[in-house]
C-alpha atoms as a PDB file:
ATOM      1  CA  MET A   1      -1.641 -21.773 101.716  1.00  0.00           C
ATOM      2  CA  ILE A   2      -4.321 -24.006 103.517  1.00  0.00           C
ATOM      3  CA  ARG A   3      -6.743 -21.158 103.950  1.00  0.00           C
ATOM      4  CA  VAL A   4      -6.410 -19.813 100.622  1.00  0.00           C
ATOM      5  CA  PHE A   5      -7.705 -22.604  99.558  1.00  0.00           C
ATOM      6  CA  VAL A   6     -10.010 -23.579 101.783  1.00  0.00           C
ATOM      7  CA  LEU A   7     -11.170 -20.258 101.450  1.00  0.00           C
ATOM      8  CA  ALA A   8     -11.301 -21.051  96.913  1.00  0.00           C
ATOM      9  CA  ILE A   9     -12.898 -23.730  97.251  1.00  0.00           C
ATOM     10  CA  LEU A  10     -15.558 -22.014  99.246  1.00  0.00           C
ATOM     11  CA  MET A  11     -16.008 -18.727  97.156  1.00  0.00           C
ATOM     12  CA  VAL A  12     -16.652 -21.304  94.887  1.00  0.00           C
ATOM     13  CA  LEU A  13     -19.209 -23.956  96.444  1.00  0.00           C
ATOM     14  CA  SER A  14     -21.279 -20.514  98.206  1.00  0.00           C
ATOM     15  CA  PRO A  15     -23.458 -20.324  94.801  1.00  0.00           C
ATOM     16  CA  LEU A  16     -24.224 -24.015  94.680  1.00  0.00           C
ATOM     17  CA  ALA A  17     -25.378 -24.141  98.275  1.00  0.00           C
ATOM     18  CA  GLN A  18     -27.790 -20.681  97.547  1.00  0.00           C
ATOM     19  CA  ALA A  19     -29.545 -22.737  94.585  1.00  0.00           C
ATOM     20  CA  GLU A  20     -32.925 -23.424  94.854  1.00  0.00           C
ATOM     21  CA  ARG A  21     -35.117 -25.807  92.927  1.00  0.00           C
ATOM     22  CA  VAL A  22     -37.832 -24.096  90.580  1.00  0.00           C
ATOM     23  CA  PHE A  23     -39.885 -26.241  89.410  1.00  0.00           C
ATOM     24  CA  GLU A  24     -39.703 -28.456  92.252  1.00  0.00           C
ATOM     25  CA  GLY A  25     -42.195 -31.918  92.306  1.00  0.00           C
ATOM     26  CA  GLU A  26     -43.619 -30.232  88.658  1.00  0.00           C
ATOM     27  CA  LYS A  27     -43.167 -31.765  85.025  1.00  0.00           C
ATOM     28  CA  VAL A  28     -39.811 -29.432  83.712  1.00  0.00           C
ATOM     29  CA  VAL A  29     -39.937 -32.268  80.099  1.00  0.00           C
ATOM     30  CA  GLU A  30     -44.564 -31.279  79.523  1.00  0.00           C
ATOM     31  CA  ILE A  31     -43.989 -27.503  80.402  1.00  0.00           C
ATOM     32  CA  PHE A  32     -40.939 -26.895  78.484  1.00  0.00           C
ATOM     33  CA  GLN A  33     -42.053 -29.078  75.701  1.00  0.00           C
ATOM     34  CA  SER A  34     -45.923 -26.850  75.689  1.00  0.00           C
ATOM     35  CA  GLN A  35     -44.646 -23.566  76.977  1.00  0.00           C
ATOM     36  CA  ASP A  36     -45.823 -20.191  75.043  1.00  0.00           C
ATOM     37  CA  PHE A  37     -42.089 -19.320  73.853  1.00  0.00           C
ATOM     38  CA  ASP A  38     -42.950 -16.062  73.056  1.00  0.00           C
ATOM     39  CA  ALA A  39     -43.965 -15.111  76.291  1.00  0.00           C
ATOM     40  CA  ASN A  40     -41.147 -16.323  78.194  1.00  0.00           C
ATOM     41  CA  LEU A  41     -39.150 -15.295  76.371  1.00  0.00           C
ATOM     42  CA  ALA A  42     -40.711 -11.579  76.763  1.00  0.00           C
ATOM     43  CA  LYS A  43     -40.954 -12.784  80.384  1.00  0.00           C
ATOM     44  CA  ALA A  44     -37.383 -13.486  80.380  1.00  0.00           C
ATOM     45  CA  GLU A  45     -35.825 -10.266  79.756  1.00  0.00           C
ATOM     46  CA  GLN A  46     -37.723  -8.845  82.520  1.00  0.00           C
ATOM     47  CA  GLY A  47     -35.829 -11.127  84.809  1.00  0.00           C
ATOM     48  CA  ASP A  48     -38.010 -14.556  85.744  1.00  0.00           C
ATOM     49  CA  VAL A  49     -35.951 -16.879  86.512  1.00  0.00           C
ATOM     50  CA  ARG A  50     -38.542 -19.923  85.460  1.00  0.00           C
ATOM     51  CA  ALA A  51     -38.929 -18.012  81.624  1.00  0.00           C
ATOM     52  CA  GLN A  52     -35.098 -18.227  81.367  1.00  0.00           C
ATOM     53  CA  TYR A  53     -34.361 -20.933  82.625  1.00  0.00           C
ATOM     54  CA  LEU A  54     -37.178 -22.448  80.257  1.00  0.00           C
ATOM     55  CA  VAL A  55     -35.841 -20.447  76.883  1.00  0.00           C
ATOM     56  CA  GLY A  56     -32.427 -20.846  77.877  1.00  0.00           C
ATOM     57  CA  ALA A  57     -33.259 -24.155  77.289  1.00  0.00           C
ATOM     58  CA  ALA A  58     -35.867 -24.203  74.118  1.00  0.00           C
ATOM     59  CA  TYR A  59     -32.409 -22.958  72.493  1.00  0.00           C
ATOM     60  CA  LEU A  60     -30.328 -25.043  74.055  1.00  0.00           C
ATOM     61  CA  TYR A  61     -32.150 -28.063  72.428  1.00  0.00           C
ATOM     62  CA  GLY A  62     -35.071 -26.320  70.269  1.00  0.00           C
ATOM     63  CA  LEU A  63     -39.047 -26.911  70.382  1.00  0.00           C
ATOM     64  CA  GLU A  64     -39.667 -27.759  67.111  1.00  0.00           C
ATOM     65  CA  ALA A  65     -42.896 -27.090  67.663  1.00  0.00           C
ATOM     66  CA  GLN A  66     -42.746 -22.938  67.340  1.00  0.00           C
ATOM     67  CA  GLU A  67     -39.844 -23.139  65.255  1.00  0.00           C
ATOM     68  CA  VAL A  68     -37.110 -22.030  67.693  1.00  0.00           C
ATOM     69  CA  GLU A  69     -33.967 -23.300  66.167  1.00  0.00           C
ATOM     70  CA  VAL A  70     -31.167 -24.375  68.406  1.00  0.00           C
ATOM     71  CA  ASP A  71     -28.928 -21.943  69.828  1.00  0.00           C
ATOM     72  CA  HIS A  72     -25.920 -23.022  72.160  1.00  0.00           C
ATOM     73  CA  GLU A  73     -24.681 -20.003  72.520  1.00  0.00           C
ATOM     74  CA  GLN A  74     -28.853 -18.378  73.134  1.00  0.00           C
ATOM     75  CA  GLY A  75     -29.195 -21.443  75.124  1.00  0.00           C
ATOM     76  CA  ARG A  76     -25.775 -20.995  77.845  1.00  0.00           C
ATOM     77  CA  TYR A  77     -26.551 -17.662  78.294  1.00  0.00           C
ATOM     78  CA  TRP A  78     -30.235 -17.425  79.514  1.00  0.00           C
ATOM     79  CA  LEU A  79     -29.064 -20.724  81.442  1.00  0.00           C
ATOM     80  CA  GLU A  80     -26.407 -18.201  83.072  1.00  0.00           C
ATOM     81  CA  LYS A  81     -29.166 -15.637  83.930  1.00  0.00           C
ATOM     82  CA  ALA A  82     -31.615 -18.751  85.533  1.00  0.00           C
ATOM     83  CA  ALA A  83     -28.615 -20.041  87.490  1.00  0.00           C
ATOM     84  CA  ASP A  84     -27.640 -15.890  88.540  1.00  0.00           C
ATOM     85  CA  GLN A  85     -30.608 -15.976  90.175  1.00  0.00           C
ATOM     86  CA  GLY A  86     -30.341 -19.760  91.923  1.00  0.00           C
ATOM     87  CA  ALA A  87     -31.536 -21.756  89.621  1.00  0.00           C
ATOM     88  CA  ALA A  88     -30.981 -25.265  91.038  1.00  0.00           C
ATOM     89  CA  GLU A  89     -31.482 -26.887  86.829  1.00  0.00           C
ATOM     90  CA  ALA A  90     -29.886 -24.047  85.255  1.00  0.00           C
ATOM     91  CA  TYR A  91     -26.256 -25.587  86.761  1.00  0.00           C
ATOM     92  CA  SER A  92     -27.337 -29.341  86.082  1.00  0.00           C
ATOM     93  CA  GLU A  93     -27.930 -27.806  82.095  1.00  0.00           C
ATOM     94  CA  LEU A  94     -24.680 -25.073  82.536  1.00  0.00           C
ATOM     95  CA  ALA A  95     -23.315 -28.802  83.939  1.00  0.00           C
ATOM     96  CA  ARG A  96     -24.021 -30.597  80.495  1.00  0.00           C
ATOM     97  CA  ILE A  97     -23.296 -28.041  78.332  1.00  0.00           C
ATOM     98  CA  TYR A  98     -19.638 -27.190  79.132  1.00  0.00           C
ATOM     99  CA  HIS A  99     -19.462 -31.100  79.697  1.00  0.00           C
ATOM    100  CA  ARG A 100     -19.852 -31.364  75.998  1.00  0.00           C
ATOM    101  CA  GLY A 101     -19.063 -28.609  74.929  1.00  0.00           C
ATOM    102  CA  MET A 102     -22.021 -27.308  73.875  1.00  0.00           C
ATOM    103  CA  GLY A 103     -21.585 -22.977  72.605  1.00  0.00           C
ATOM    104  CA  VAL A 104     -18.473 -22.982  74.882  1.00  0.00           C
END
């Protein structure tokens, strides 16, 4: 029984152990606010992890300057894509989403 419990915990934590910061030492808020949303959306669709995070955050919080409306479901979708590639920042945002019940 204990082995099963330990194995379950390791399976849950293994993605977090592999997570890496994709904006290490950078000012993410400034990057987020000054992003070219359309260009990032195209990059996100091609699998770019940084773009996926930025697009997810734009949908999650809105990006008024570029007329991106809040869409929690799209935000969660793109953040999950970034998290699947190991973006630690995406895991943090997903935790906030689930804690606040945004788009879930």
